[in-house]
Amino acid sequence: MNRWQRCRSGARDLGMSTAEYAIGTVAAAAFAGVLYKVVTASEVKSALMGIVRKALQLAS
């Protein structure tokens, strides 16, 4: 059996290709950018600070 036949007869999906890695990396970077914008928005930042302050007050 030659190499081509072994490749076709075995597992068809052995992992991600380079293009899939590139798309996954771009998607992860875009998600990180959106998440950064959401977390650094003033409303979200003040809400998170309120949660942290309340948690610290309860711990005291």
N, C-alpha and C. Protein backbone atom coordinates (compact mmCIF):
# COMPACT_ATOMS: atom_id res chain seq x y z
N MET A 1 0.86 -1.17 0.00
CA MET A 1 0.00 0.00 0.00
C MET A 1 0.91 1.24 0.00
N ASN A 2 0.67 2.12 -0.92
CA ASN A 2 1.51 3.32 -0.98
C ASN A 2 1.03 4.37 0.01
N ARG A 3 1.78 5.43 0.09
CA ARG A 3 1.51 6.48 1.10
C ARG A 3 0.13 7.10 0.91
N TRP A 4 -0.24 7.38 -0.33
CA TRP A 4 -1.53 8.01 -0.59
C TRP A 4 -2.68 7.12 -0.14
N GLN A 5 -2.60 5.84 -0.38
CA GLN A 5 -3.66 4.93 0.04
C GLN A 5 -3.73 4.82 1.55
N ARG A 6 -2.58 4.83 2.23
CA ARG A 6 -2.59 4.79 3.70
C ARG A 6 -3.24 6.04 4.27
N CYS A 7 -2.96 7.19 3.67
CA CYS A 7 -3.56 8.44 4.15
C CYS A 7 -5.07 8.43 3.96
N ARG A 8 -5.52 7.92 2.84
CA ARG A 8 -6.95 7.91 2.56
C ARG A 8 -7.69 6.88 3.38
N SER A 9 -7.05 5.78 3.71
CA SER A 9 -7.75 4.72 4.43
C SER A 9 -7.78 4.95 5.94
N GLY A 10 -6.87 5.76 6.46
CA GLY A 10 -6.78 5.99 7.90
C GLY A 10 -7.74 7.06 8.37
N ALA A 11 -7.43 7.62 9.50
CA ALA A 11 -8.26 8.68 10.06
C ALA A 11 -8.26 9.88 9.11
N ARG A 12 -9.42 10.39 8.85
CA ARG A 12 -9.52 11.49 7.89
C ARG A 12 -9.25 12.85 8.53
N ASP A 13 -9.51 12.98 9.80
CA ASP A 13 -9.32 14.27 10.47
C ASP A 13 -8.35 14.06 11.62
N LEU A 14 -7.10 14.39 11.39
CA LEU A 14 -6.07 14.17 12.40
C LEU A 14 -5.77 15.42 13.20
N GLY A 15 -6.43 16.52 12.92
CA GLY A 15 -6.19 17.75 13.65
C GLY A 15 -6.43 18.95 12.75
N MET A 16 -6.15 20.11 13.30
CA MET A 16 -6.38 21.34 12.54
C MET A 16 -5.24 21.59 11.57
N SER A 17 -5.58 22.15 10.45
CA SER A 17 -4.57 22.55 9.48
C SER A 17 -4.10 23.96 9.81
N THR A 18 -3.12 24.42 9.07
CA THR A 18 -2.57 25.75 9.32
C THR A 18 -3.63 26.83 9.14
N ALA A 19 -4.48 26.69 8.14
CA ALA A 19 -5.54 27.68 7.92
C ALA A 19 -6.52 27.71 9.09
N GLU A 20 -6.83 26.55 9.64
CA GLU A 20 -7.75 26.51 10.78
C GLU A 20 -7.11 27.14 12.00
N TYR A 21 -5.81 26.92 12.19
CA TYR A 21 -5.11 27.58 13.30
C TYR A 21 -5.15 29.09 13.12
N ALA A 22 -4.94 29.56 11.90
CA ALA A 22 -4.95 31.00 11.64
C ALA A 22 -6.32 31.59 11.94
N ILE A 23 -7.37 30.93 11.50
CA ILE A 23 -8.73 31.42 11.75
C ILE A 23 -9.03 31.40 13.24
N GLY A 24 -8.61 30.34 13.92
CA GLY A 24 -8.82 30.27 15.37
C GLY A 24 -8.07 31.35 16.11
N THR A 25 -6.86 31.65 15.68
CA THR A 25 -6.07 32.70 16.32
C THR A 25 -6.70 34.07 16.11
N VAL A 26 -7.16 34.34 14.90
CA VAL A 26 -7.81 35.62 14.61
C VAL A 26 -9.11 35.75 15.42
N ALA A 27 -9.87 34.67 15.50
CA ALA A 27 -11.12 34.71 16.27
C ALA A 27 -10.85 34.93 17.74
N ALA A 28 -9.81 34.30 18.28
CA ALA A 28 -9.47 34.49 19.69
C ALA A 28 -9.00 35.92 19.96
N ALA A 29 -8.23 36.48 19.04
CA ALA A 29 -7.77 37.86 19.21
C ALA A 29 -8.94 38.84 19.13
N ALA A 30 -9.87 38.59 18.21
CA ALA A 30 -11.05 39.46 18.10
C ALA A 30 -11.90 39.37 19.36
N PHE A 31 -12.09 38.17 19.89
CA PHE A 31 -12.86 38.00 21.13
C PHE A 31 -12.17 38.71 22.29
N ALA A 32 -10.85 38.61 22.35
CA ALA A 32 -10.11 39.29 23.42
C ALA A 32 -10.27 40.80 23.30
N GLY A 33 -10.27 41.32 22.09
CA GLY A 33 -10.46 42.76 21.89
C GLY A 33 -11.83 43.22 22.33
N VAL A 34 -12.85 42.46 21.98
CA VAL A 34 -14.22 42.80 22.39
C VAL A 34 -14.35 42.71 23.90
N LEU A 35 -13.81 41.66 24.49
CA LEU A 35 -13.87 41.50 25.94
C LEU A 35 -13.15 42.64 26.66
N TYR A 36 -12.01 43.06 26.14
CA TYR A 36 -11.26 44.18 26.73
C TYR A 36 -12.10 45.46 26.69
N LYS A 37 -12.74 45.72 25.55
CA LYS A 37 -13.58 46.92 25.43
C LYS A 37 -14.75 46.88 26.40
N VAL A 38 -15.36 45.71 26.58
CA VAL A 38 -16.50 45.60 27.48
C VAL A 38 -16.05 45.80 28.92
N VAL A 39 -14.95 45.17 29.32
CA VAL A 39 -14.51 45.24 30.71
C VAL A 39 -14.00 46.63 31.06
N THR A 40 -13.40 47.34 30.10
CA THR A 40 -12.87 48.67 30.40
C THR A 40 -13.90 49.78 30.21
N ALA A 41 -15.12 49.45 29.83
CA ALA A 41 -16.18 50.46 29.75
C ALA A 41 -16.47 50.98 31.15
N SER A 42 -16.78 52.23 31.25
CA SER A 42 -16.93 52.86 32.57
C SER A 42 -18.04 52.21 33.41
N GLU A 43 -19.15 51.86 32.77
CA GLU A 43 -20.25 51.24 33.52
C GLU A 43 -19.85 49.88 34.08
N VAL A 44 -19.19 49.09 33.27
CA VAL A 44 -18.77 47.76 33.71
C VAL A 44 -17.67 47.88 34.76
N LYS A 45 -16.75 48.81 34.54
CA LYS A 45 -15.66 49.01 35.50
C LYS A 45 -16.20 49.40 36.87
N SER A 46 -17.18 50.30 36.90
CA SER A 46 -17.74 50.71 38.19
C SER A 46 -18.53 49.56 38.83
N ALA A 47 -19.21 48.77 38.02
CA ALA A 47 -19.94 47.62 38.57
C ALA A 47 -18.97 46.60 39.16
N LEU A 48 -17.88 46.32 38.46
CA LEU A 48 -16.88 45.38 38.98
C LEU A 48 -16.23 45.91 40.25
N MET A 49 -15.93 47.20 40.29
CA MET A 49 -15.35 47.78 41.50
C MET A 49 -16.33 47.69 42.67
N GLY A 50 -17.61 47.88 42.42
CA GLY A 50 -18.62 47.73 43.46
C GLY A 50 -18.66 46.31 44.01
N ILE A 51 -18.57 45.34 43.12
CA ILE A 51 -18.56 43.94 43.55
C ILE A 51 -17.33 43.65 44.40
N VAL A 52 -16.18 44.14 43.96
CA VAL A 52 -14.93 43.91 44.71
C VAL A 52 -15.00 44.59 46.08
N ARG A 53 -15.49 45.82 46.12
CA ARG A 53 -15.59 46.53 47.41
C ARG A 53 -16.53 45.80 48.37
N LYS A 54 -17.66 45.35 47.85
CA LYS A 54 -18.62 44.64 48.69
C LYS A 54 -18.01 43.33 49.22
N ALA A 55 -17.28 42.62 48.35
CA ALA A 55 -16.64 41.37 48.77
C ALA A 55 -15.59 41.65 49.84
N LEU A 56 -14.84 42.73 49.70
CA LEU A 56 -13.84 43.07 50.68
C LEU A 56 -14.45 43.50 52.02
N GLN A 57 -15.60 44.17 51.97
CA GLN A 57 -16.28 44.57 53.18
C GLN A 57 -16.82 43.35 53.92
N LEU A 58 -17.30 42.36 53.18
CA LEU A 58 -17.83 41.16 53.80
C LEU A 58 -16.72 40.34 54.43
N ALA A 59 -15.53 40.42 53.88
CA ALA A 59 -14.39 39.66 54.39
C ALA A 59 -13.85 40.28 55.69
N SER A 60 -14.13 41.54 55.92
CA SER A 60 -13.59 42.21 57.12
C SER A 60 -14.38 41.89 58.36
